[in-house]
Amino acid sequence: MRESTGNHVRAPGALRLALELRAPWELGASIAALPILMSAPRGDGHPVLVFPGLAASDLSTGPLRRYLMDRGYAAHRWRQGRNLGPRPGVLAECERMVTLLRDRYGRKVSLIGWSLGGIYARETAKQLPDSIRSVITLGTPFAGHPRATNAWQLYEFVSGDRVDGGRDWNEIRRAPPVPTTSIYSRTDGIVAWQCSVQDPGPQTENIEVEASHVGLGVNPAVLYAVADRLAQPEGQWQPFDRSGLRRLVYRDPSAADCFPNSALV
């Protein structure tokens, strides 16, 4: 039985967890959708730092980084091996990487974080807002109860730390003071989708896609949305445009409630 949290949000159920097996098909869909993906706006060459999810390495973000490089960005690995949780020095190294990229390119850095990697991206942006152009997270559980995922036990195993111990969750929920996009899926089998929904604000937005959690980095709808967000001129950020045919792919998340009264199936 899944644990019910004080916010009435549970980890995704068995059906959604089983749907994580569709990730290879999402990769295949991206290959089939290459003509559309290649029509996404080209970038201006600014640096992008990509953070992997829990227990994953830079290998997992390879397809995303290759796509971004093709679209004209200087996409970089996080270079810290497997993501084993917020061990001592991890966030300091993230900040060091941002500073190095900012100095190397003379441009602000965009950050993309997948799942737990999105927590690093958001926290790094809070520490170095003047060096950050934008933050994009993919299925990142920054809101809700820390056990409203199917990965909290894995987190405790690989990190040696309690998932709900000694952290200021109100601070973690707070968005960075830079343009911040949260991309999430209601059919995510690992993270309860409500935990990836940001409060609306002048520099925050949510983009809903149809995707598995482990397929977020290769899903064609995600790749296109990421390219669209990164292509905005610096200092001219606007919310994602869902008009026209995009409505068929990107559902309006305005009705999404991060803390509904009923648990997930």
Protein backbone atom coordinates (compact mmCIF):
# COMPACT_ATOMS: atom_id res chain seq x y z
CA MET A 1 0.00 0.00 0.00
CA ARG A 2 1.35 3.41 -0.95
CA GLU A 3 1.80 5.98 1.76
CA SER A 4 -0.71 8.83 1.78
CA THR A 5 0.90 12.16 2.50
CA GLY A 6 -0.49 15.08 4.39
CA ASN A 7 -1.17 16.75 1.05
CA HIS A 8 -3.19 13.75 -0.22
CA VAL A 9 -0.71 13.05 -3.00
CA ARG A 10 0.56 9.50 -3.37
CA ALA A 11 3.31 7.99 -5.46
CA PRO A 12 2.07 6.86 -8.90
CA GLY A 13 0.33 3.48 -8.84
CA ALA A 14 1.30 0.20 -10.45
CA LEU A 15 -0.31 0.96 -13.81
CA ARG A 16 1.60 4.17 -14.29
CA LEU A 17 4.78 2.55 -13.08
CA ALA A 18 4.32 -0.20 -15.69
CA LEU A 19 3.91 2.46 -18.38
CA GLU A 20 7.54 3.45 -17.81
CA LEU A 21 8.35 0.57 -20.17
CA ARG A 22 7.30 2.80 -23.10
CA ALA A 23 10.53 4.85 -22.91
CA PRO A 24 12.17 2.99 -25.88
CA TRP A 25 9.13 3.86 -28.00
CA GLU A 26 9.53 7.51 -27.03
CA LEU A 27 13.08 7.40 -28.35
CA GLY A 28 11.78 5.83 -31.55
CA ALA A 29 9.12 8.54 -31.80
CA SER A 30 11.83 11.20 -31.60
CA ILE A 31 13.68 9.58 -34.49
CA ALA A 32 10.46 9.51 -36.50
CA ALA A 33 9.75 13.13 -35.55
CA LEU A 34 13.19 14.43 -36.59
CA PRO A 35 11.79 16.66 -39.39
CA ILE A 36 9.59 18.41 -36.82
CA LEU A 37 12.33 18.56 -34.20
CA MET A 38 14.69 20.10 -36.75
CA SER A 39 12.12 22.84 -37.35
CA ALA A 40 12.42 24.06 -33.76
CA PRO A 41 14.03 27.51 -33.40
CA ARG A 42 17.82 27.52 -33.55
CA GLY A 43 19.79 28.74 -30.60
CA ASP A 44 22.24 31.59 -30.19
CA GLY A 45 25.18 29.52 -28.95
CA HIS A 46 24.80 30.23 -25.25
CA PRO A 47 25.97 27.51 -22.82
CA VAL A 48 23.55 24.96 -21.39
CA LEU A 49 24.43 22.72 -18.43
CA VAL A 50 22.44 19.47 -18.17
CA PHE A 51 21.96 17.56 -14.88
CA PRO A 52 21.02 13.83 -14.87
CA GLY A 53 18.43 12.21 -12.63
CA LEU A 54 18.84 9.99 -9.58
CA ALA A 55 21.38 7.17 -10.04
CA ALA A 56 21.92 8.27 -13.66
CA SER A 57 25.04 9.67 -15.29
CA ASP A 58 25.85 11.99 -18.19
CA LEU A 59 25.23 9.04 -20.50
CA SER A 60 21.48 9.39 -19.87
CA THR A 61 21.44 13.02 -21.04
CA GLY A 62 23.46 12.30 -24.19
CA PRO A 63 20.50 12.34 -26.65
CA LEU A 64 19.20 15.60 -25.20
CA ARG A 65 22.61 17.26 -25.32
CA ARG A 66 23.24 16.09 -28.88
CA TYR A 67 19.92 17.54 -29.97
CA LEU A 68 20.70 20.85 -28.29
CA MET A 69 24.13 21.00 -29.90
CA ASP A 70 22.49 20.42 -33.27
CA ARG A 71 20.14 23.33 -32.57
CA GLY A 72 23.11 25.60 -31.91
CA TYR A 73 23.73 25.48 -28.16
CA ALA A 74 26.92 24.77 -26.25
CA ALA A 75 25.47 21.85 -24.27
CA HIS A 76 27.62 20.50 -21.42
CA ARG A 77 27.67 17.52 -19.06
CA TRP A 78 27.58 17.96 -15.31
CA ARG A 79 30.79 15.84 -14.97
CA GLN A 80 30.11 14.45 -11.50
CA GLY A 81 29.54 10.79 -12.37
CA ARG A 82 26.32 9.19 -11.20
CA ASN A 83 23.83 11.36 -9.39
CA LEU A 84 23.84 9.78 -5.93
CA GLY A 85 22.02 12.56 -4.13
CA PRO A 86 23.15 15.83 -2.52
CA ARG A 87 26.45 14.60 -1.12
CA PRO A 88 28.86 17.15 0.38
CA GLY A 89 30.34 19.31 -2.35
CA VAL A 90 27.86 18.44 -5.11
CA LEU A 91 26.08 21.80 -5.21
CA ALA A 92 29.37 23.65 -4.82
CA GLU A 93 30.67 21.80 -7.89
CA CYS A 94 27.49 22.72 -9.79
CA GLU A 95 28.11 26.37 -8.96
CA ARG A 96 31.75 26.03 -10.03
CA MET A 97 30.69 24.60 -13.39
CA VAL A 98 28.28 27.49 -13.97
CA THR A 99 31.00 29.99 -13.16
CA LEU A 100 33.45 28.28 -15.52
CA LEU A 101 30.93 28.26 -18.36
CA ARG A 102 29.95 31.87 -17.73
CA ASP A 103 33.61 32.92 -17.87
CA ARG A 104 34.40 30.73 -20.89
CA TYR A 105 31.54 31.93 -23.08
CA GLY A 106 30.96 35.37 -21.62
CA ARG A 107 27.23 34.51 -21.60
CA LYS A 108 24.66 33.58 -19.01
CA VAL A 109 24.11 29.82 -18.62
CA SER A 110 20.82 27.93 -19.00
CA LEU A 111 20.29 24.92 -16.73
CA ILE A 112 18.31 21.76 -17.52
CA GLY A 113 17.68 19.21 -14.78
CA TRP A 114 16.02 15.83 -15.17
CA SER A 115 14.18 14.58 -12.06
CA LEU A 116 16.48 15.04 -9.03
CA GLY A 117 18.87 16.91 -11.32
CA GLY A 118 16.24 19.62 -11.54
CA ILE A 119 16.57 20.26 -7.81
CA TYR A 120 20.27 20.95 -8.37
CA ALA A 121 19.44 23.25 -11.29
CA ARG A 122 16.92 25.24 -9.26
CA GLU A 123 19.14 25.51 -6.18
CA THR A 124 22.17 26.50 -8.27
CA ALA A 125 20.12 29.25 -9.94
CA LYS A 126 19.12 30.57 -6.51
CA GLN A 127 22.77 30.89 -5.56
CA LEU A 128 23.98 32.40 -8.86
CA PRO A 129 20.98 34.23 -10.37
CA ASP A 130 23.14 36.79 -12.17
CA SER A 131 24.85 33.98 -14.10
CA ILE A 132 21.70 32.07 -15.06
CA ARG A 133 19.62 32.75 -18.16
CA SER A 134 16.86 30.19 -17.53
CA VAL A 135 16.06 26.93 -15.74
CA ILE A 136 14.14 24.00 -17.24
CA THR A 137 13.22 20.94 -15.17
CA LEU A 138 11.92 17.59 -16.40
CA GLY A 139 9.72 15.66 -13.97
CA THR A 140 11.40 17.25 -10.96
CA PRO A 141 9.72 16.69 -7.55
CA PHE A 142 10.24 20.10 -5.97
CA ALA A 143 6.70 20.39 -4.53
CA GLY A 144 4.55 18.08 -2.44
CA HIS A 145 5.72 15.40 -0.05
CA PRO A 146 9.21 13.94 -0.67
CA ARG A 147 7.78 10.41 -0.55
CA ALA A 148 5.23 11.03 -3.30
CA THR A 149 7.51 9.23 -5.73
CA ASN A 150 8.44 5.64 -6.50
CA ALA A 151 12.13 6.51 -6.14
CA TRP A 152 12.40 7.63 -2.52
CA GLN A 153 13.68 4.25 -1.34
CA LEU A 154 16.29 4.20 -4.12
CA TYR A 155 17.27 7.71 -3.08
CA GLU A 156 17.82 6.66 0.51
CA PHE A 157 19.77 3.58 -0.61
CA VAL A 158 22.21 5.34 -2.97
CA SER A 159 22.59 8.54 -0.93
CA GLY A 160 22.62 7.08 2.59
CA ASP A 161 20.32 9.95 3.55
CA ARG A 162 16.67 10.18 4.58
CA VAL A 163 14.56 11.73 1.85
CA ASP A 164 12.54 13.82 4.30
CA GLY A 165 15.23 14.58 6.85
CA GLY A 166 16.63 17.97 7.77
CA ARG A 167 15.62 20.01 4.71
CA ASP A 168 13.70 23.24 4.33
CA TRP A 169 11.06 22.07 1.85
CA ASN A 170 9.49 25.51 1.69
CA GLU A 171 12.80 26.78 0.31
CA ILE A 172 13.04 23.89 -2.15
CA ARG A 173 9.53 24.65 -3.42
CA ARG A 174 10.42 28.31 -3.99
CA ALA A 175 11.22 29.00 -7.65
CA PRO A 176 14.55 30.59 -8.60
CA PRO A 177 14.52 34.34 -9.41
CA VAL A 178 15.04 33.61 -13.13
CA PRO A 179 12.74 32.33 -15.91
CA THR A 180 11.84 28.79 -14.83
CA THR A 181 9.95 26.13 -16.78
CA SER A 182 8.71 22.85 -15.31
CA ILE A 183 7.93 20.13 -17.86
CA TYR A 184 5.92 17.25 -16.41
CA SER A 185 3.60 14.39 -17.35
CA ARG A 186 0.41 13.23 -15.64
CA THR A 187 1.34 9.69 -16.72
CA ASP A 188 4.75 9.87 -15.01
CA GLY A 189 5.21 6.52 -13.27
CA ILE A 190 7.97 7.64 -10.91
CA VAL A 191 7.07 11.13 -9.66
CA ALA A 192 3.54 12.22 -8.79
CA TRP A 193 2.88 14.90 -11.40
CA GLN A 194 1.49 17.32 -8.81
CA CYS A 195 4.96 17.52 -7.29
CA SER A 196 6.29 19.10 -10.49
CA VAL A 197 3.75 21.93 -10.76
CA GLN A 198 4.97 25.45 -10.00
CA ASP A 199 2.88 28.27 -8.65
CA PRO A 200 2.15 30.77 -11.44
CA GLY A 201 4.32 33.86 -11.56
CA PRO A 202 5.82 36.41 -13.96
CA GLN A 203 8.82 34.14 -14.63
CA THR A 204 7.44 30.66 -13.96
CA GLU A 205 5.46 28.27 -16.13
CA ASN A 206 4.39 24.63 -16.41
CA ILE A 207 4.33 22.62 -19.63
CA GLU A 208 2.42 19.36 -19.62
CA VAL A 209 3.42 16.55 -21.98
CA GLU A 210 2.47 12.91 -22.47
CA ALA A 211 5.58 11.01 -21.43
CA SER A 212 7.10 8.45 -19.12
CA HIS A 213 9.51 9.63 -16.45
CA VAL A 214 12.51 7.74 -17.80
CA GLY A 215 11.62 8.86 -21.32
CA LEU A 216 11.48 12.60 -20.60
CA GLY A 217 14.96 13.18 -21.99
CA VAL A 218 14.15 11.57 -25.35
CA ASN A 219 10.45 12.33 -25.78
CA PRO A 220 9.85 14.43 -28.94
CA ALA A 221 7.34 16.77 -27.27
CA VAL A 222 9.84 17.44 -24.48
CA LEU A 223 12.74 18.03 -26.87
CA TYR A 224 10.75 20.50 -28.95
CA ALA A 225 9.53 22.39 -25.85
CA VAL A 226 13.06 22.61 -24.46
CA ALA A 227 14.39 24.00 -27.75
CA ASP A 228 11.54 26.50 -27.89
CA ARG A 229 12.23 27.74 -24.37
CA LEU A 230 15.98 28.06 -24.84
CA ALA A 231 15.62 29.98 -28.11
CA GLN A 232 14.05 33.04 -26.50
CA PRO A 233 16.26 36.14 -26.63
CA GLU A 234 17.95 36.87 -23.33
CA GLY A 235 15.84 39.21 -21.22
CA GLN A 236 12.72 38.69 -23.37
CA TRP A 237 11.21 35.59 -21.78
CA GLN A 238 7.56 34.86 -22.53
CA PRO A 239 5.34 31.92 -21.50
CA PHE A 240 5.09 28.93 -23.83
CA ASP A 241 2.69 29.47 -26.74
CA ARG A 242 0.13 26.63 -27.01
CA SER A 243 -1.89 28.14 -29.87
CA GLY A 244 -2.59 26.43 -33.18
CA LEU A 245 -1.53 22.84 -33.69
CA ARG A 246 0.50 22.86 -30.47
CA ARG A 247 -2.75 22.46 -28.55
CA LEU A 248 -2.92 18.91 -29.87
CA VAL A 249 0.37 18.04 -28.13
CA TYR A 250 0.63 20.38 -25.16
CA ARG A 251 -2.32 20.35 -22.79
CA ASP A 252 -3.08 23.57 -20.92
CA PRO A 253 -1.95 22.85 -17.34
CA SER A 254 -3.75 25.83 -15.83
CA ALA A 255 -6.21 23.54 -14.02
CA ALA A 256 -3.44 21.36 -12.56
CA ASP A 257 -3.57 21.32 -8.77
CA CYS A 258 -0.40 20.33 -6.96
CA PHE A 259 -2.36 19.18 -3.91
CA PRO A 260 -5.67 17.64 -5.01
CA ASN A 261 -8.13 16.02 -2.62
CA SER A 262 -7.84 12.59 -4.22
CA ALA A 263 -4.84 10.32 -4.56
CA LEU A 264 -3.39 9.17 -7.83
CA VAL A 265 -4.52 5.88 -9.32
